[in-house]
């Protein structure tokens, strides 16, 4: 996995990184990352795991559906569905 300028995603030339893999940085920290020359080391020194931070931020605005609740109600409505047999 490659970390570039606050982005956490495998490299893909000519493609914009998905917002799912971004960690927003203020202007000062963005410049600091570039000046550091080793972004992986920069993140290590901050004590922040950018993969975890990106995932947490993404899930706050794009929560996962409650699959257990959805599947439970759908299965109960389908008496011929093998999964609904006790």
PDB file of N, CA and C in Angstrom:
ATOM      1  N   UNK A   1       0.853  -1.173   0.000  1.00  0.00           N
ATOM      2  CA  UNK A   1       0.000   0.000   0.000  1.00  0.00           C
ATOM      3  C   UNK A   1       0.899   1.236   0.000  1.00  0.00           C
ATOM      4  N   UNK A   2       0.540   2.209  -0.786  1.00  0.00           N
ATOM      5  CA  UNK A   2       1.313   3.427  -0.935  1.00  0.00           C
ATOM      6  C   UNK A   2       0.571   4.579  -0.274  1.00  0.00           C
ATOM      7  N   UNK A   3       1.280   5.405   0.460  1.00  0.00           N
ATOM      8  CA  UNK A   3       0.672   6.566   1.105  1.00  0.00           C
ATOM      9  C   UNK A   3       1.271   7.805   0.461  1.00  0.00           C
ATOM     10  N   UNK A   4       0.440   8.607  -0.184  1.00  0.00           N
ATOM     11  CA  UNK A   4       0.915   9.815  -0.859  1.00  0.00           C
ATOM     12  C   UNK A   4       0.057  10.993  -0.435  1.00  0.00           C
ATOM     13  N   UNK A   5       0.676  11.972   0.161  1.00  0.00           N
ATOM     14  CA  UNK A   5       0.008  13.237   0.484  1.00  0.00           C
ATOM     15  C   UNK A   5      -1.324  13.057   1.199  1.00  0.00           C
ATOM     16  N   UNK A   6      -1.345  12.256   2.197  1.00  0.00           N
ATOM     17  CA  UNK A   6      -2.569  12.072   2.959  1.00  0.00           C
ATOM     18  C   UNK A   6      -3.530  11.080   2.326  1.00  0.00           C
ATOM     19  N   UNK A   7      -3.090  10.362   1.295  1.00  0.00           N
ATOM     20  CA  UNK A   7      -3.931   9.380   0.640  1.00  0.00           C
ATOM     21  C   UNK A   7      -3.429   7.989   0.983  1.00  0.00           C
ATOM     22  N   UNK A   8      -4.348   7.073   1.211  1.00  0.00           N
ATOM     23  CA  UNK A   8      -3.989   5.703   1.549  1.00  0.00           C
ATOM     24  C   UNK A   8      -4.677   4.786   0.547  1.00  0.00           C
ATOM     25  N   UNK A   9      -3.960   4.409  -0.500  1.00  0.00           N
ATOM     26  CA  UNK A   9      -4.539   3.552  -1.514  1.00  0.00           C
ATOM     27  C   UNK A   9      -3.419   3.021  -2.387  1.00  0.00           C
ATOM     28  N   UNK A  10      -3.632   1.852  -2.953  1.00  0.00           N
ATOM     29  CA  UNK A  10      -2.648   1.306  -3.881  1.00  0.00           C
ATOM     30  C   UNK A  10      -2.494   2.257  -5.060  1.00  0.00           C
ATOM     31  N   UNK A  11      -1.285   2.351  -5.618  1.00  0.00           N
ATOM     32  CA  UNK A  11      -1.059   3.294  -6.704  1.00  0.00           C
ATOM     33  C   UNK A  11      -1.850   2.925  -7.961  1.00  0.00           C
ATOM     34  N   UNK A  12      -2.358   3.946  -8.618  1.00  0.00           N
ATOM     35  CA  UNK A  12      -3.058   3.776  -9.885  1.00  0.00           C
ATOM     36  C   UNK A  12      -2.767   5.021 -10.715  1.00  0.00           C
ATOM     37  N   UNK A  13      -1.875   4.880 -11.661  1.00  0.00           N
ATOM     38  CA  UNK A  13      -1.446   6.032 -12.445  1.00  0.00           C
ATOM     39  C   UNK A  13      -2.613   6.660 -13.197  1.00  0.00           C
ATOM     40  N   UNK A  14      -2.673   7.982 -13.126  1.00  0.00           N
ATOM     41  CA  UNK A  14      -3.684   8.717 -13.870  1.00  0.00           C
ATOM     42  C   UNK A  14      -5.082   8.647 -13.295  1.00  0.00           C
ATOM     43  N   UNK A  15      -5.228   8.171 -12.096  1.00  0.00           N
ATOM     44  CA  UNK A  15      -6.554   8.067 -11.483  1.00  0.00           C
ATOM     45  C   UNK A  15      -6.582   8.840 -10.183  1.00  0.00           C
ATOM     46  N   UNK A  16      -7.726   9.485  -9.924  1.00  0.00           N
ATOM     47  CA  UNK A  16      -7.909  10.208  -8.664  1.00  0.00           C
ATOM     48  C   UNK A  16      -8.169   9.193  -7.549  1.00  0.00           C
ATOM     49  N   UNK A  17      -7.582   9.449  -6.418  1.00  0.00           N
ATOM     50  CA  UNK A  17      -7.776   8.591  -5.257  1.00  0.00           C
ATOM     51  C   UNK A  17      -9.194   8.792  -4.723  1.00  0.00           C
ATOM     52  N   UNK A  18      -9.844   7.711  -4.370  1.00  0.00           N
ATOM     53  CA  UNK A  18     -11.184   7.787  -3.790  1.00  0.00           C
ATOM     54  C   UNK A  18     -11.129   8.515  -2.456  1.00  0.00           C
ATOM     55  N   UNK A  19     -12.175   9.264  -2.153  1.00  0.00           N
ATOM     56  CA  UNK A  19     -12.257   9.943  -0.861  1.00  0.00           C
ATOM     57  C   UNK A  19     -12.255   8.955   0.296  1.00  0.00           C
ATOM     58  N   UNK A  20     -12.579   7.709   0.001  1.00  0.00           N
ATOM     59  CA  UNK A  20     -12.571   6.675   1.037  1.00  0.00           C
ATOM     60  C   UNK A  20     -11.175   6.476   1.622  1.00  0.00           C
ATOM     61  N   UNK A  21     -10.157   6.823   0.852  1.00  0.00           N
ATOM     62  CA  UNK A  21      -8.777   6.578   1.262  1.00  0.00           C
ATOM     63  C   UNK A  21      -8.007   7.860   1.580  1.00  0.00           C
ATOM     64  N   UNK A  22      -8.713   8.927   1.900  1.00  0.00           N
ATOM     65  CA  UNK A  22      -8.026  10.192   2.178  1.00  0.00           C
ATOM     66  C   UNK A  22      -8.093  10.554   3.654  1.00  0.00           C
ATOM     67  N   UNK A  23      -7.066  11.230   4.089  1.00  0.00           N
ATOM     68  CA  UNK A  23      -7.027  11.792   5.432  1.00  0.00           C
ATOM     69  C   UNK A  23      -6.768  13.285   5.231  1.00  0.00           C
ATOM     70  N   UNK A  24      -7.737  14.137   5.572  1.00  0.00           N
ATOM     71  CA  UNK A  24      -7.532  15.560   5.345  1.00  0.00           C
ATOM     72  C   UNK A  24      -6.412  16.120   6.218  1.00  0.00           C
ATOM     73  N   UNK A  25      -5.584  16.954   5.618  1.00  0.00           N
ATOM     74  CA  UNK A  25      -4.497  17.608   6.329  1.00  0.00           C
ATOM     75  C   UNK A  25      -4.632  19.113   6.153  1.00  0.00           C
ATOM     76  N   UNK A  26      -4.307  19.863   7.173  1.00  0.00           N
ATOM     77  CA  UNK A  26      -4.285  21.309   7.022  1.00  0.00           C
ATOM     78  C   UNK A  26      -3.112  21.671   6.107  1.00  0.00           C
ATOM     79  N   UNK A  27      -3.098  22.886   5.633  1.00  0.00           N
ATOM     80  CA  UNK A  27      -2.069  23.333   4.698  1.00  0.00           C
ATOM     81  C   UNK A  27      -0.654  23.141   5.246  1.00  0.00           C
ATOM     82  N   UNK A  28      -0.473  23.484   6.512  1.00  0.00           N
ATOM     83  CA  UNK A  28       0.840  23.372   7.141  1.00  0.00           C
ATOM     84  C   UNK A  28       1.340  21.937   7.203  1.00  0.00           C
ATOM     85  N   UNK A  29       0.465  21.027   7.610  1.00  0.00           N
ATOM     86  CA  UNK A  29       0.869  19.622   7.690  1.00  0.00           C
ATOM     87  C   UNK A  29       1.060  19.018   6.297  1.00  0.00           C
ATOM     88  N   UNK A  30       0.276  19.449   5.342  1.00  0.00           N
ATOM     89  CA  UNK A  30       0.448  18.958   3.971  1.00  0.00           C
ATOM     90  C   UNK A  30       1.846  19.331   3.457  1.00  0.00           C
ATOM     91  N   UNK A  31       2.243  20.565   3.698  1.00  0.00           N
ATOM     92  CA  UNK A  31       3.581  21.005   3.292  1.00  0.00           C
ATOM     93  C   UNK A  31       4.662  20.238   4.046  1.00  0.00           C
ATOM     94  N   UNK A  32       4.413  20.009   5.332  1.00  0.00           N
ATOM     95  CA  UNK A  32       5.375  19.280   6.159  1.00  0.00           C
ATOM     96  C   UNK A  32       5.612  17.868   5.619  1.00  0.00           C
ATOM     97  N   UNK A  33       4.541  17.218   5.191  1.00  0.00           N
ATOM     98  CA  UNK A  33       4.661  15.875   4.614  1.00  0.00           C
ATOM     99  C   UNK A  33       5.586  15.908   3.392  1.00  0.00           C
ATOM    100  N   UNK A  34       5.376  16.906   2.534  1.00  0.00           N
ATOM    101  CA  UNK A  34       6.210  17.009   1.331  1.00  0.00           C
ATOM    102  C   UNK A  34       7.663  17.305   1.677  1.00  0.00           C
ATOM    103  N   UNK A  35       7.875  18.162   2.664  1.00  0.00           N
ATOM    104  CA  UNK A  35       9.240  18.506   3.077  1.00  0.00           C
ATOM    105  C   UNK A  35       9.946  17.324   3.729  1.00  0.00           C
ATOM    106  N   UNK A  36       9.197  16.483   4.397  1.00  0.00           N
ATOM    107  CA  UNK A  36       9.759  15.331   5.105  1.00  0.00           C
ATOM    108  C   UNK A  36      10.430  14.362   4.133  1.00  0.00           C
ATOM    109  N   UNK A  37       9.813  14.166   2.984  1.00  0.00           N
ATOM    110  CA  UNK A  37      10.384  13.271   1.988  1.00  0.00           C
ATOM    111  C   UNK A  37      10.036  11.804   2.183  1.00  0.00           C
ATOM    112  N   UNK A  38       9.587  11.422   3.347  1.00  0.00           N
ATOM    113  CA  UNK A  38       9.214  10.033   3.629  1.00  0.00           C
ATOM    114  C   UNK A  38       7.881  10.064   4.364  1.00  0.00           C
ATOM    115  N   UNK A  39       6.807   9.955   3.594  1.00  0.00           N
ATOM    116  CA  UNK A  39       5.482  10.097   4.193  1.00  0.00           C
ATOM    117  C   UNK A  39       5.163   8.992   5.195  1.00  0.00           C
ATOM    118  N   UNK A  40       5.607   7.792   4.924  1.00  0.00           N
ATOM    119  CA  UNK A  40       5.370   6.688   5.859  1.00  0.00           C
ATOM    120  C   UNK A  40       5.998   7.015   7.212  1.00  0.00           C
ATOM    121  N   UNK A  41       7.219   7.525   7.181  1.00  0.00           N
ATOM    122  CA  UNK A  41       7.899   7.916   8.412  1.00  0.00           C
ATOM    123  C   UNK A  41       7.179   9.079   9.088  1.00  0.00           C
ATOM    124  N   UNK A  42       6.684  10.023   8.299  1.00  0.00           N
ATOM    125  CA  UNK A  42       5.965  11.182   8.856  1.00  0.00           C
ATOM    126  C   UNK A  42       4.729  10.710   9.624  1.00  0.00           C
ATOM    127  N   UNK A  43       3.941   9.811   9.029  1.00  0.00           N
ATOM    128  CA  UNK A  43       2.755   9.300   9.717  1.00  0.00           C
ATOM    129  C   UNK A  43       3.141   8.531  10.977  1.00  0.00           C
ATOM    130  N   UNK A  44       4.222   7.748  10.899  1.00  0.00           N
ATOM    131  CA  UNK A  44       4.669   6.999  12.073  1.00  0.00           C
ATOM    132  C   UNK A  44       4.996   7.946  13.212  1.00  0.00           C
ATOM    133  N   UNK A  45       5.682   9.041  12.898  1.00  0.00           N
ATOM    134  CA  UNK A  45       6.060  10.008  13.933  1.00  0.00           C
ATOM    135  C   UNK A  45       4.850  10.717  14.534  1.00  0.00           C
ATOM    136  N   UNK A  46       3.777  10.870  13.762  1.00  0.00           N
ATOM    137  CA  UNK A  46       2.574  11.510  14.310  1.00  0.00           C
ATOM    138  C   UNK A  46       1.823  10.580  15.248  1.00  0.00           C
ATOM    139  N   UNK A  47       2.091   9.278  15.119  1.00  0.00           N
ATOM    140  CA  UNK A  47       1.371   8.311  15.942  1.00  0.00           C
ATOM    141  C   UNK A  47      -0.023   8.011  15.408  1.00  0.00           C
ATOM    142  N   UNK A  48      -0.274   8.401  14.162  1.00  0.00           N
ATOM    143  CA  UNK A  48      -1.578   8.179  13.537  1.00  0.00           C
ATOM    144  C   UNK A  48      -1.423   7.124  12.451  1.00  0.00           C
ATOM    145  N   UNK A  49      -2.302   6.129  12.462  1.00  0.00           N
ATOM    146  CA  UNK A  49      -2.339   5.146  11.377  1.00  0.00           C
ATOM    147  C   UNK A  49      -3.284   5.719  10.317  1.00  0.00           C
ATOM    148  N   UNK A  50      -2.757   6.165   9.162  1.00  0.00           N
ATOM    149  CA  UNK A  50      -3.623   6.809   8.180  1.00  0.00           C
ATOM    150  C   UNK A  50      -4.693   5.882   7.610  1.00  0.00           C
ATOM    151  N   UNK A  51      -4.418   4.586   7.547  1.00  0.00           N
ATOM    152  CA  UNK A  51      -5.427   3.643   7.046  1.00  0.00           C
ATOM    153  C   UNK A  51      -6.628   3.604   7.980  1.00  0.00           C
ATOM    154  N   UNK A  52      -6.365   3.538   9.264  1.00  0.00           N
ATOM    155  CA  UNK A  52      -7.436   3.513  10.267  1.00  0.00           C
ATOM    156  C   UNK A  52      -8.177   4.844  10.281  1.00  0.00           C
ATOM    157  N   UNK A  53      -7.436   5.937  10.232  1.00  0.00           N
ATOM    158  CA  UNK A  53      -8.057   7.267  10.251  1.00  0.00           C
ATOM    159  C   UNK A  53      -8.958   7.454   9.036  1.00  0.00           C
ATOM    160  N   UNK A  54      -8.479   7.060   7.858  1.00  0.00           N
ATOM    161  CA  UNK A  54      -9.274   7.193   6.637  1.00  0.00           C
ATOM    162  C   UNK A  54     -10.547   6.358   6.732  1.00  0.00           C
ATOM    163  N   UNK A  55     -10.418   5.137   7.220  1.00  0.00           N
ATOM    164  CA  UNK A  55     -11.583   4.246   7.346  1.00  0.00           C
ATOM    165  C   UNK A  55     -12.602   4.809   8.341  1.00  0.00           C
ATOM    166  N   UNK A  56     -12.123   5.290   9.483  1.00  0.00           N
ATOM    167  CA  UNK A  56     -13.022   5.868  10.488  1.00  0.00           C
ATOM    168  C   UNK A  56     -13.772   7.073   9.933  1.00  0.00           C
ATOM    169  N   UNK A  57     -13.055   7.951   9.237  1.00  0.00           N
ATOM    170  CA  UNK A  57     -13.691   9.138   8.661  1.00  0.00           C
ATOM    171  C   UNK A  57     -14.720   8.748   7.610  1.00  0.00           C
ATOM    172  N   UNK A  58     -14.397   7.772   6.779  1.00  0.00           N
ATOM    173  CA  UNK A  58     -15.315   7.327   5.735  1.00  0.00           C
ATOM    174  C   UNK A  58     -16.593   6.758   6.341  1.00  0.00           C
ATOM    175  N   UNK A  59     -16.449   5.930   7.363  1.00  0.00           N
ATOM    176  CA  UNK A  59     -17.623   5.293   7.969  1.00  0.00           C
ATOM    177  C   UNK A  59     -18.510   6.276   8.716  1.00  0.00           C
ATOM    178  N   UNK A  60     -17.962   7.400   9.140  1.00  0.00           N
ATOM    179  CA  UNK A  60     -18.797   8.420   9.800  1.00  0.00           C
ATOM    180  C   UNK A  60     -19.774   9.051   8.818  1.00  0.00           C
ATOM    181  N   UNK A  61     -19.393   9.141   7.555  1.00  0.00           N
ATOM    182  CA  UNK A  61     -20.264   9.752   6.553  1.00  0.00           C
ATOM    183  C   UNK A  61     -20.904   8.731   5.613  1.00  0.00           C
ATOM    184  N   UNK A  62     -20.426   7.507   5.645  1.00  0.00           N
ATOM    185  CA  UNK A  62     -20.961   6.435   4.804  1.00  0.00           C
ATOM    186  C   UNK A  62     -21.114   5.170   5.652  1.00  0.00           C
ATOM    187  N   UNK A  63     -22.024   5.190   6.634  1.00  0.00           N
ATOM    188  CA  UNK A  63     -22.149   4.034   7.530  1.00  0.00           C
ATOM    189  C   UNK A  63     -22.580   2.777   6.775  1.00  0.00           C
ATOM    190  N   UNK A  64     -22.080   1.658   7.250  1.00  0.00           N
ATOM    191  CA  UNK A  64     -22.454   0.369   6.666  1.00  0.00           C
ATOM    192  C   UNK A  64     -23.881   0.038   7.078  1.00  0.00           C
ATOM    193  N   UNK A  65     -24.647  -0.597   6.192  1.00  0.00           N
ATOM    194  CA  UNK A  65     -26.017  -0.978   6.559  1.00  0.00           C
ATOM    195  C   UNK A  65     -25.994  -2.077   7.609  1.00  0.00           C
ATOM    196  N   UNK A  66     -27.034  -2.126   8.400  1.00  0.00           N
ATOM    197  CA  UNK A  66     -27.171  -3.171   9.411  1.00  0.00           C
ATOM    198  C   UNK A  66     -27.695  -4.422   8.715  1.00  0.00           C
ATOM    199  N   UNK A  67     -26.781  -5.244   8.237  1.00  0.00           N
ATOM    200  CA  UNK A  67     -27.127  -6.411   7.425  1.00  0.00           C
ATOM    201  C   UNK A  67     -27.929  -7.437   8.228  1.00  0.00           C
ATOM    202  N   UNK A  68     -27.583  -7.643   9.475  1.00  0.00           N
ATOM    203  CA  UNK A  68     -28.283  -8.642  10.295  1.00  0.00           C
ATOM    204  C   UNK A  68     -29.756  -8.285  10.427  1.00  0.00           C
ATOM    205  N   UNK A  69     -30.046  -7.029  10.685  1.00  0.00           N
ATOM    206  CA  UNK A  69     -31.442  -6.612  10.840  1.00  0.00           C
ATOM    207  C   UNK A  69     -32.188  -6.716   9.518  1.00  0.00           C
ATOM    208  N   UNK A  70     -31.516  -6.331   8.427  1.00  0.00           N
ATOM    209  CA  UNK A  70     -32.159  -6.386   7.116  1.00  0.00           C
ATOM    210  C   UNK A  70     -32.426  -7.820   6.694  1.00  0.00           C
ATOM    211  N   UNK A  71     -31.436  -8.691   6.831  1.00  0.00           N
ATOM    212  CA  UNK A  71     -31.608 -10.070   6.364  1.00  0.00           C
ATOM    213  C   UNK A  71     -32.620 -10.809   7.231  1.00  0.00           C
ATOM    214  N   UNK A  72     -32.650 -10.514   8.518  1.00  0.00           N
ATOM    215  CA  UNK A  72     -33.603 -11.182   9.399  1.00  0.00           C
ATOM    216  C   UNK A  72     -35.035 -10.912   8.997  1.00  0.00           C
ATOM    217  N   UNK A  73     -35.352  -9.653   8.714  1.00  0.00           N
ATOM    218  CA  UNK A  73     -36.729  -9.324   8.349  1.00  0.00           C
ATOM    219  C   UNK A  73     -37.078  -9.859   6.968  1.00  0.00           C
ATOM    220  N   UNK A  74     -36.131  -9.879   6.041  1.00  0.00           N
ATOM    221  CA  UNK A  74     -36.401 -10.371   4.697  1.00  0.00           C
ATOM    222  C   UNK A  74     -36.606 -11.879   4.696  1.00  0.00           C
ATOM    223  N   UNK A  75     -35.831 -12.588   5.487  1.00  0.00           N
ATOM    224  CA  UNK A  75     -35.956 -14.044   5.527  1.00  0.00           C
ATOM    225  C   UNK A  75     -37.281 -14.462   6.142  1.00  0.00           C
ATOM    226  N   UNK A  76     -37.736 -13.740   7.142  1.00  0.00           N
ATOM    227  CA  UNK A  76     -38.995 -14.079   7.784  1.00  0.00           C
ATOM    228  C   UNK A  76     -40.170 -13.890   6.821  1.00  0.00           C
ATOM    229  N   UNK A  77     -40.030 -12.981   5.850  1.00  0.00           N
ATOM    230  CA  UNK A  77     -41.091 -12.721   4.886  1.00  0.00           C
ATOM    231  C   UNK A  77     -41.111 -13.734   3.753  1.00  0.00           C
ATOM    232  N   UNK A  78     -40.136 -14.656   3.683  1.00  0.00           N
ATOM    233  CA  UNK A  78     -40.038 -15.627   2.607  1.00  0.00           C
ATOM    234  C   UNK A  78     -40.094 -17.043   3.208  1.00  0.00           C
ATOM    235  N   UNK A  79     -41.280 -17.589   3.367  1.00  0.00           N
ATOM    236  CA  UNK A  79     -41.397 -18.898   4.026  1.00  0.00           C
ATOM    237  C   UNK A  79     -40.721 -20.036   3.266  1.00  0.00           C
ATOM    238  N   UNK A  80     -40.525 -19.932   1.964  1.00  0.00           N
ATOM    239  CA  UNK A  80     -39.895 -21.005   1.183  1.00  0.00           C
ATOM    240  C   UNK A  80     -38.394 -20.884   1.126  1.00  0.00           C
ATOM    241  N   UNK A  81     -37.857 -19.878   1.718  1.00  0.00           N
ATOM    242  CA  UNK A  81     -36.411 -19.654   1.696  1.00  0.00           C
ATOM    243  C   UNK A  81     -35.754 -20.608   2.671  1.00  0.00           C
ATOM    244  N   UNK A  82     -34.763 -21.427   2.225  1.00  0.00           N
ATOM    245  CA  UNK A  82     -34.121 -22.399   3.116  1.00  0.00           C
ATOM    246  C   UNK A  82     -33.485 -21.765   4.354  1.00  0.00           C
ATOM    247  N   UNK A  83     -33.011 -20.535   4.239  1.00  0.00           N
ATOM    248  CA  UNK A  83     -32.379 -19.890   5.381  1.00  0.00           C
ATOM    249  C   UNK A  83     -33.366 -19.586   6.497  1.00  0.00           C
ATOM    250  N   UNK A  84     -34.662 -19.533   6.178  1.00  0.00           N
ATOM    251  CA  UNK A  84     -35.645 -19.195   7.202  1.00  0.00           C
ATOM    252  C   UNK A  84     -36.141 -20.402   7.988  1.00  0.00           C
ATOM    253  N   UNK A  85     -35.700 -21.597   7.592  1.00  0.00           N
ATOM    254  CA  UNK A  85     -36.110 -22.816   8.286  1.00  0.00           C
ATOM    255  C   UNK A  85     -35.304 -22.942   9.567  1.00  0.00           C
ATOM    256  N   UNK A  86     -35.983 -23.129  10.729  1.00  0.00           N
ATOM    257  CA  UNK A  86     -35.252 -23.214  12.003  1.00  0.00           C
ATOM    258  C   UNK A  86     -34.387 -24.451  12.121  1.00  0.00           C
TER     259      UNK A  86
END
